[in-house]
Amino acid sequence: MKYPAVFRSIGLAALTTFALGVAVAQTPVPLPTPGAQPAASDALPVPPPPETEAAAWIVMDAASGNVLAGENIDQPLEPASITKVMTSYVIAAEMAAGKIKEDDQVMMTEHAWRTGGAGTDGSYSGFEVNKTAPLIQMEKGMVVQSGNDAAIALAQHVAGSVDAFAALMNMYAERIGMKNSHFVNPTGLPAEGHVSTARDLALLGRALIHNFPKAYSYNKIKEFTVGPITQPNRNVLLWRDKSVDGIKTGHTSGAGYCLMASAQRGDQRLITVVLGSGSEEQRADQSQALLNWGFRFYETHKLYDAGKQIAAQKVWKGAVDQVQLGVAAPLLVTVPRGRYERLKPMMDVPKTLVAPIEKGQEIGMVRVMLDDKVVAQRPLVALNAVEEGGFFKRLWDEFWMWWESV
């Protein structure tokens, strides 16, 4: 098939433009340059994490959600009083929705007092039976003192009954992505079918930190007083390590000694969960060792900001010729220290895009590789809408799309 020379020249130019569009889209903007880093060639392999005798444990980076290490992280186990972190999350979420308020007067019912008060073997806050206290005070009694009585009273206030509150807990757990958890009560007292996992609990801690930082901040309070009774926070890491600011201990005969801990050093925050440890001292020592290991050998970087252009792609038949591509949420990655320079971003995007394109529409994927392994990925989204071009623009692009295909 032969065409006049002028059309062949124009066609060649159009093909060149198309090819360049694809090439640009396949190469994201360069990764940001971090501060002083050891040379990649000097980076030693990450040594194994400290030996831990717990039934299950995990180390998670709070910013990226990357699991740095763990054992039996998806095994359902009794979470004991770490359950109260889920209770805190539900209270914070319901408060954010305007359904409850900090100054609500919460009744310490006889049921809450008999089931979780001083007459039981579990931890309690000591609020007087059949009297009220502000919700914020009751919540701190639950968080700092691990008060079962306070947890039950709060559940009744929020949802009307413990069973209804447990249903809320499970709905929020599903929303967070806790795939192997099921809650029966707000306390963590032993109950058939009341289970969670190290991974799920780390995700819960991450969600509380990110979504409800004020509620999370109660976990660093070292002691709390109700009436004549002052009780210390059972998380001894709050006294041992100034970078630790949470989050919750737990213990029952079936669950053993448990601890979800979180610490921030510089811009990096880690979360550890230890389930089924042998003693209070062991759970603290194991958690501290895992935190130290994680901070020593890993670092977290933000590669791309949400809503910022990281590439552009050719668009056919549009009012404009390109769509800007980016990520809807910040893209962070956690890597062994000294390996940042080895990261390689790459993108999978369609070779041909045709208008219309909506703002926020997913268009391909950006992946970050480290030594041929994917360490982070996010969908690419359109940062701007591209409306259809006029009749002649669509006709013209249709011609060049056909030309490219022959």
Protein backbone atom coordinates (compact mmCIF):
# COMPACT_ATOMS: atom_id res chain seq x y z
CA MET A 1 0.00 0.00 0.00
CA LYS A 2 1.49 3.35 -1.06
CA TYR A 3 0.74 6.81 0.34
CA PRO A 4 1.83 10.30 -0.74
CA ALA A 5 5.19 11.35 0.70
CA VAL A 6 3.62 14.03 2.90
CA PHE A 7 1.35 11.47 4.59
CA ARG A 8 4.28 9.09 5.05
CA SER A 9 6.28 11.88 6.75
CA ILE A 10 3.39 12.88 8.99
CA GLY A 11 2.74 9.24 9.81
CA LEU A 12 6.38 8.70 10.77
CA ALA A 13 6.25 11.71 13.09
CA ALA A 14 3.05 10.45 14.69
CA LEU A 15 4.56 7.01 15.25
CA THR A 16 7.61 8.60 16.85
CA THR A 17 5.37 10.61 19.19
CA PHE A 18 3.45 7.46 20.09
CA ALA A 19 6.62 5.51 20.80
CA LEU A 20 7.98 8.27 22.99
CA GLY A 21 4.71 8.38 24.89
CA VAL A 22 5.00 4.71 25.69
CA ALA A 23 8.67 5.02 26.67
CA VAL A 24 7.96 7.89 29.09
CA ALA A 25 5.09 6.00 30.66
CA GLN A 26 7.28 2.98 31.28
CA THR A 27 9.89 5.03 33.17
CA PRO A 28 8.67 6.78 36.35
CA VAL A 29 10.39 9.85 37.70
CA PRO A 30 13.61 9.00 39.57
CA LEU A 31 13.33 7.96 43.20
CA PRO A 32 14.10 10.70 45.73
CA THR A 33 17.66 10.85 47.01
CA PRO A 34 17.82 9.89 50.71
CA GLY A 35 20.24 11.22 53.27
CA ALA A 36 23.65 9.71 53.91
CA GLN A 37 23.53 6.01 53.14
CA PRO A 38 26.11 3.24 53.30
CA ALA A 39 27.24 2.14 49.87
CA ALA A 40 25.19 -0.74 48.52
CA SER A 41 28.31 -2.87 48.17
CA ASP A 42 28.99 -2.38 51.88
CA ALA A 43 25.51 -3.50 52.98
CA LEU A 44 25.73 -6.81 54.80
CA PRO A 45 22.93 -9.39 54.68
CA VAL A 46 20.31 -8.93 57.38
CA PRO A 47 20.99 -11.39 60.22
CA PRO A 48 18.10 -13.52 61.48
CA PRO A 49 15.84 -11.95 64.10
CA PRO A 50 16.33 -12.73 67.79
CA GLU A 51 15.17 -16.16 68.90
CA THR A 52 11.69 -15.96 70.35
CA GLU A 53 9.93 -18.75 72.23
CA ALA A 54 6.47 -17.24 71.86
CA ALA A 55 3.73 -19.17 70.09
CA ALA A 56 3.56 -16.47 67.41
CA TRP A 57 5.24 -13.14 66.77
CA ILE A 58 5.68 -10.47 64.12
CA VAL A 59 7.64 -7.31 63.32
CA MET A 60 5.80 -4.88 61.03
CA ASP A 61 6.73 -1.46 59.68
CA ALA A 62 3.90 0.88 60.59
CA ALA A 63 4.23 3.20 57.60
CA SER A 64 4.42 0.65 54.78
CA GLY A 65 2.72 -2.30 56.46
CA ASN A 66 5.63 -4.51 55.37
CA VAL A 67 6.23 -7.59 57.50
CA LEU A 68 9.93 -7.64 58.37
CA ALA A 69 9.90 -10.98 60.17
CA GLY A 70 7.57 -13.29 62.00
CA GLU A 71 6.59 -16.81 62.95
CA ASN A 72 3.12 -18.37 62.88
CA ILE A 73 1.81 -14.92 62.00
CA ASP A 74 -1.51 -16.22 60.64
CA GLN A 75 -2.20 -18.83 63.31
CA PRO A 76 -5.42 -18.03 65.22
CA LEU A 77 -4.68 -17.72 68.94
CA GLU A 78 -6.31 -16.20 72.01
CA PRO A 79 -5.41 -12.48 72.03
CA ALA A 80 -6.26 -11.95 75.73
CA SER A 81 -6.46 -8.24 76.66
CA ILE A 82 -4.87 -7.09 73.40
CA THR A 83 -8.53 -7.40 72.39
CA LYS A 84 -9.05 -4.04 74.08
CA VAL A 85 -7.15 -2.37 71.21
CA MET A 86 -10.03 -3.47 68.99
CA THR A 87 -12.44 -2.08 71.57
CA SER A 88 -10.56 1.24 71.50
CA TYR A 89 -10.72 1.27 67.70
CA VAL A 90 -14.48 0.77 67.66
CA ILE A 91 -15.00 3.52 70.24
CA ALA A 92 -12.79 5.92 68.25
CA ALA A 93 -14.55 5.08 64.99
CA GLU A 94 -18.01 5.49 66.48
CA MET A 95 -16.94 8.78 68.03
CA ALA A 96 -15.60 10.00 64.68
CA ALA A 97 -18.98 9.12 63.18
CA GLY A 98 -20.69 11.33 65.77
CA LYS A 99 -22.53 8.51 67.49
CA ILE A 100 -20.88 8.95 70.90
CA LYS A 101 -18.95 11.74 72.64
CA GLU A 102 -16.06 12.00 75.07
CA ASP A 103 -18.28 13.55 77.73
CA ASP A 104 -21.01 10.90 77.50
CA GLN A 105 -21.87 9.58 80.94
CA VAL A 106 -21.18 5.84 80.93
CA MET A 107 -22.90 3.67 83.52
CA MET A 108 -20.87 1.02 85.34
CA THR A 109 -23.68 -1.53 85.22
CA GLU A 110 -24.02 -4.38 87.64
CA HIS A 111 -23.36 -6.79 84.79
CA ALA A 112 -20.09 -5.04 83.93
CA TRP A 113 -19.07 -4.93 87.58
CA ARG A 114 -19.89 -8.60 88.26
CA THR A 115 -18.35 -9.84 85.00
CA GLY A 116 -15.21 -7.73 84.97
CA GLY A 117 -14.91 -6.03 88.35
CA ALA A 118 -12.88 -6.59 91.48
CA GLY A 119 -14.64 -9.84 92.30
CA THR A 120 -13.18 -11.54 89.23
CA ASP A 121 -9.69 -12.85 88.57
CA GLY A 122 -9.04 -10.36 85.79
CA SER A 123 -7.83 -6.77 85.78
CA TYR A 124 -10.35 -4.09 86.68
CA SER A 125 -10.60 -0.31 86.88
CA GLY A 126 -12.65 0.20 90.03
CA PHE A 127 -15.42 2.51 88.82
CA GLU A 128 -18.33 2.33 91.26
CA VAL A 129 -21.21 0.07 90.34
CA ASN A 130 -24.45 1.75 89.27
CA LYS A 131 -22.70 5.11 88.92
CA THR A 132 -21.57 6.96 85.82
CA ALA A 133 -18.28 8.39 84.67
CA PRO A 134 -17.32 10.36 81.55
CA LEU A 135 -16.63 8.11 78.60
CA ILE A 136 -13.07 9.44 78.24
CA GLN A 137 -12.31 8.49 81.85
CA MET A 138 -13.84 5.06 81.44
CA GLU A 139 -11.82 4.52 78.26
CA LYS A 140 -8.54 5.43 79.97
CA GLY A 141 -9.43 3.02 82.75
CA MET A 142 -9.77 0.32 80.11
CA VAL A 143 -6.61 1.25 78.20
CA VAL A 144 -4.17 2.04 81.02
CA GLN A 145 -5.45 -0.28 83.73
CA SER A 146 -6.72 -2.92 81.28
CA GLY A 147 -10.02 -2.78 83.13
CA ASN A 148 -12.42 -5.50 82.05
CA ASP A 149 -15.24 -3.75 83.91
CA ALA A 150 -14.64 -0.55 81.95
CA ALA A 151 -14.50 -2.44 78.63
CA ILE A 152 -17.86 -4.09 79.29
CA ALA A 153 -19.51 -0.86 80.43
CA LEU A 154 -18.22 0.93 77.33
CA ALA A 155 -19.48 -1.84 75.07
CA GLN A 156 -22.93 -1.60 76.60
CA HIS A 157 -22.96 2.18 76.20
CA VAL A 158 -21.82 2.11 72.57
CA ALA A 159 -23.92 -0.75 71.27
CA GLY A 160 -26.50 -1.61 73.94
CA SER A 161 -25.06 -5.03 74.71
CA VAL A 162 -21.80 -6.96 74.62
CA ASP A 163 -23.06 -9.14 71.76
CA ALA A 164 -23.99 -6.14 69.65
CA PHE A 165 -20.62 -4.54 70.37
CA ALA A 166 -18.83 -7.74 69.35
CA ALA A 167 -20.67 -7.57 66.03
CA LEU A 168 -19.32 -4.05 65.57
CA MET A 169 -15.82 -5.27 66.43
CA ASN A 170 -16.01 -7.90 63.71
CA MET A 171 -17.34 -5.46 61.13
CA TYR A 172 -14.50 -3.01 61.80
CA ALA A 173 -11.98 -5.86 61.85
CA GLU A 174 -13.09 -6.89 58.38
CA ARG A 175 -12.74 -3.30 57.19
CA ILE A 176 -9.19 -3.14 58.55
CA GLY A 177 -8.29 -6.37 56.74
CA MET A 178 -8.06 -8.69 59.75
CA LYS A 179 -8.82 -11.88 57.85
CA ASN A 180 -8.31 -14.47 60.59
CA SER A 181 -9.88 -12.79 63.62
CA HIS A 182 -13.20 -13.19 65.36
CA PHE A 183 -14.24 -11.32 68.48
CA VAL A 184 -16.84 -12.44 70.99
CA ASN A 185 -16.34 -9.84 73.73
CA PRO A 186 -14.62 -6.47 74.31
CA THR A 187 -12.29 -7.70 77.06
CA GLY A 188 -10.34 -10.67 75.76
CA LEU A 189 -11.55 -12.88 78.59
CA PRO A 190 -11.58 -16.53 77.39
CA ALA A 191 -14.53 -17.35 75.13
CA GLU A 192 -15.08 -19.98 72.49
CA GLY A 193 -14.28 -18.66 69.04
CA HIS A 194 -12.54 -15.50 70.31
CA VAL A 195 -9.28 -15.50 68.31
CA SER A 196 -6.89 -13.33 66.39
CA THR A 197 -3.43 -13.59 64.82
CA ALA A 198 -0.11 -11.79 65.11
CA ARG A 199 -0.52 -10.30 61.62
CA ASP A 200 -4.11 -9.18 62.25
CA LEU A 201 -3.22 -7.56 65.56
CA ALA A 202 -0.30 -5.71 63.98
CA LEU A 203 -2.67 -4.44 61.29
CA LEU A 204 -5.06 -3.34 64.03
CA GLY A 205 -2.32 -1.44 65.84
CA ARG A 206 -1.27 0.18 62.57
CA ALA A 207 -4.87 1.22 61.85
CA LEU A 208 -5.34 2.74 65.32
CA ILE A 209 -2.07 4.68 65.03
CA HIS A 210 -2.89 6.03 61.57
CA ASN A 211 -6.63 6.58 61.83
CA PHE A 212 -7.09 7.61 65.47
CA PRO A 213 -3.82 8.97 66.91
CA LYS A 214 -5.57 10.59 69.87
CA ALA A 215 -7.08 7.28 70.97
CA TYR A 216 -3.70 5.64 70.44
CA SER A 217 -1.99 8.24 72.65
CA TYR A 218 -3.83 6.95 75.73
CA ASN A 219 -1.66 3.83 75.56
CA LYS A 220 1.46 5.72 76.65
CA ILE A 221 -0.12 6.95 79.91
CA LYS A 222 1.97 5.28 82.62
CA GLU A 223 -0.62 5.25 85.40
CA PHE A 224 -4.26 6.11 85.98
CA THR A 225 -6.33 6.73 89.09
CA VAL A 226 -9.95 5.80 89.72
CA GLY A 227 -11.20 6.88 93.13
CA PRO A 228 -8.61 5.81 95.71
CA ILE A 229 -6.95 3.27 93.37
CA THR A 230 -3.94 4.15 91.21
CA GLN A 231 -2.72 1.46 88.87
CA PRO A 232 0.31 1.44 86.53
CA ASN A 233 0.27 0.59 82.85
CA ARG A 234 1.30 -3.06 82.49
CA ASN A 235 3.51 -2.32 79.47
CA VAL A 236 6.91 -2.09 81.20
CA LEU A 237 8.57 -1.04 77.93
CA LEU A 238 7.13 2.43 78.52
CA TRP A 239 9.69 2.77 81.33
CA ARG A 240 12.55 0.90 79.62
CA ASP A 241 12.58 2.54 76.20
CA LYS A 242 11.62 6.17 75.63
CA SER A 243 10.86 5.45 71.97
CA VAL A 244 8.04 3.06 72.99
CA ASP A 245 4.64 4.76 73.23
CA GLY A 246 2.26 1.78 73.25
CA ILE A 247 0.40 -0.32 73.05
CA LYS A 248 -1.18 -3.21 75.03
CA THR A 249 -0.43 -6.23 77.17
CA GLY A 250 -2.57 -9.31 77.71
CA HIS A 251 -2.60 -12.47 79.78
CA THR A 252 -4.85 -15.42 80.47
CA SER A 253 -3.93 -18.98 81.35
CA GLY A 254 -4.86 -20.09 77.84
CA ALA A 255 -3.28 -17.20 75.94
CA GLY A 256 -0.09 -16.96 77.94
CA TYR A 257 1.65 -13.59 78.18
CA CYS A 258 1.06 -11.31 75.18
CA LEU A 259 2.26 -7.86 74.17
CA MET A 260 1.64 -5.58 71.22
CA ALA A 261 4.34 -2.91 71.28
CA SER A 262 5.07 0.10 69.10
CA ALA A 263 7.99 2.49 69.03
CA GLN A 264 9.10 5.43 66.91
CA ARG A 265 12.73 6.33 66.32
CA GLY A 266 13.23 9.28 64.02
CA ASP A 267 10.73 9.00 61.18
CA GLN A 268 10.40 5.23 61.46
CA ARG A 269 7.78 3.39 63.50
CA LEU A 270 7.67 -0.35 64.10
CA ILE A 271 4.98 -2.58 65.59
CA THR A 272 5.67 -5.92 67.24
CA VAL A 273 3.24 -8.53 68.49
CA VAL A 274 4.25 -11.39 70.78
CA LEU A 275 1.61 -14.01 71.62
CA GLY A 276 1.91 -16.92 74.03
CA SER A 277 5.09 -15.94 75.82
CA GLY A 278 6.06 -17.61 79.10
CA SER A 279 6.11 -14.65 81.51
CA GLU A 280 5.77 -10.89 81.84
CA GLU A 281 9.55 -10.55 81.67
CA GLN A 282 9.83 -12.73 78.57
CA ARG A 283 7.17 -10.87 76.62
CA ALA A 284 8.88 -7.57 77.39
CA ASP A 285 12.39 -8.82 76.63
CA GLN A 286 11.30 -10.49 73.40
CA SER A 287 9.41 -7.42 72.22
CA GLN A 288 12.34 -5.14 73.02
CA ALA A 289 14.77 -7.41 71.16
CA LEU A 290 12.53 -7.52 68.09
CA LEU A 291 12.13 -3.74 68.05
CA ASN A 292 15.88 -3.21 68.34
CA TRP A 293 16.53 -5.69 65.53
CA GLY A 294 14.00 -4.06 63.24
CA PHE A 295 15.30 -0.54 63.79
CA ARG A 296 18.91 -1.64 63.41
CA PHE A 297 18.57 -3.48 60.13
CA TYR A 298 15.65 -1.86 58.26
CA GLU A 299 14.67 1.58 57.08
CA THR A 300 11.53 3.03 55.52
CA HIS A 301 11.38 5.55 52.68
CA LYS A 302 8.55 7.41 50.99
CA LEU A 303 9.07 7.03 47.26
CA TYR A 304 6.07 8.84 45.82
CA ASP A 305 3.58 11.29 47.31
CA ALA A 306 -0.14 10.89 46.75
CA GLY A 307 -1.46 13.00 43.90
CA LYS A 308 1.97 13.90 42.49
CA GLN A 309 2.82 13.07 38.87
CA ILE A 310 5.28 10.24 38.46
CA ALA A 311 4.70 9.60 34.74
CA ALA A 312 2.58 10.64 31.77
CA GLN A 313 0.88 8.57 29.08
CA LYS A 314 -0.23 9.36 25.54
CA VAL A 315 -4.02 9.59 25.14
CA TRP A 316 -5.78 9.21 21.80
CA LYS A 317 -8.98 10.99 20.79
CA GLY A 318 -8.82 13.30 23.80
CA ALA A 319 -9.23 17.02 24.30
CA VAL A 320 -5.62 16.88 25.58
CA ASP A 321 -2.91 14.50 24.42
CA GLN A 322 -1.61 13.19 27.76
CA VAL A 323 -2.84 11.98 31.11
CA GLN A 324 -0.76 12.45 34.25
CA LEU A 325 -0.25 9.30 36.30
CA GLY A 326 0.39 9.00 40.02
CA VAL A 327 -0.65 7.08 43.14
CA ALA A 328 -3.72 7.67 45.26
CA ALA A 329 -1.89 7.01 48.53
CA PRO A 330 1.77 7.57 49.44
CA LEU A 331 4.01 4.75 48.25
CA LEU A 332 6.39 3.71 51.01
CA VAL A 333 8.86 0.88 51.08
CA THR A 334 10.81 -0.81 53.85
CA VAL A 335 14.19 -2.22 52.88
CA PRO A 336 17.34 -3.48 54.58
CA ARG A 337 19.62 -0.60 55.49
CA GLY A 338 22.07 0.27 52.75
CA ARG A 339 19.97 -1.21 49.94
CA TYR A 340 18.06 1.89 48.88
CA GLU A 341 20.25 2.52 45.85
CA ARG A 342 19.35 -0.92 44.52
CA LEU A 343 15.65 -0.10 44.26
CA LYS A 344 14.33 -0.04 40.70
CA PRO A 345 10.89 1.38 39.92
CA MET A 346 9.05 0.11 36.87
CA MET A 347 5.55 0.44 35.50
CA ASP A 348 3.07 -1.67 33.61
CA VAL A 349 0.74 0.57 31.62
CA PRO A 350 -1.43 0.06 28.55
CA LYS A 351 0.28 0.94 25.27
CA THR A 352 -2.88 2.56 23.98
CA LEU A 353 -5.23 4.78 25.98
CA VAL A 354 -8.37 6.24 24.43
CA ALA A 355 -10.42 9.10 25.90
CA PRO A 356 -12.56 9.61 27.87
CA ILE A 357 -10.58 8.99 31.07
CA GLU A 358 -11.93 9.83 34.50
CA LYS A 359 -9.84 11.41 37.25
CA GLY A 360 -8.85 8.63 39.69
CA GLN A 361 -9.28 5.88 37.10
CA GLU A 362 -6.77 3.07 37.58
CA ILE A 363 -4.33 2.81 34.70
CA GLY A 364 -1.71 0.16 35.21
CA MET A 365 0.63 -0.48 38.13
CA VAL A 366 3.88 0.87 39.52
CA ARG A 367 6.20 -1.70 41.06
CA VAL A 368 9.39 -1.25 43.04
CA MET A 369 11.96 -4.02 42.71
CA LEU A 370 14.87 -4.92 44.97
CA ASP A 371 17.19 -7.58 43.57
CA ASP A 372 14.46 -8.86 41.23
CA LYS A 373 11.88 -9.07 44.02
CA VAL A 374 8.79 -6.84 44.25
CA VAL A 375 8.98 -4.97 47.55
CA ALA A 376 6.15 -2.48 46.94
CA GLN A 377 3.44 -1.85 44.39
CA ARG A 378 0.46 0.45 43.91
CA PRO A 379 -2.12 1.02 41.20
CA LEU A 380 -1.41 3.99 38.97
CA VAL A 381 -4.32 6.40 38.73
CA ALA A 382 -5.17 9.27 36.42
CA LEU A 383 -4.47 12.58 38.15
CA ASN A 384 -6.50 14.52 35.61
CA ALA A 385 -9.61 13.77 33.60
CA VAL A 386 -9.31 13.62 29.82
CA GLU A 387 -12.52 14.36 27.96
CA GLU A 388 -13.18 13.29 24.41
CA GLY A 389 -11.84 15.59 21.75
CA GLY A 390 -13.95 17.13 19.02
CA PHE A 391 -15.12 15.28 15.92
CA PHE A 392 -12.11 16.13 13.77
CA LYS A 393 -9.64 15.35 16.60
CA ARG A 394 -11.17 11.91 17.07
CA LEU A 395 -11.19 11.32 13.31
CA TRP A 396 -7.57 12.41 12.98
CA ASP A 397 -6.41 10.16 15.87
CA GLU A 398 -8.44 7.28 14.48
CA PHE A 399 -6.49 7.61 11.24
CA TRP A 400 -3.09 7.58 12.97
CA MET A 401 -4.07 4.66 15.21
CA TRP A 402 -5.02 2.74 12.06
CA TRP A 403 -1.79 3.85 10.38
CA GLU A 404 0.27 2.56 13.30
CA SER A 405 -1.44 -0.81 13.14
CA VAL A 406 -0.83 -1.49 9.42
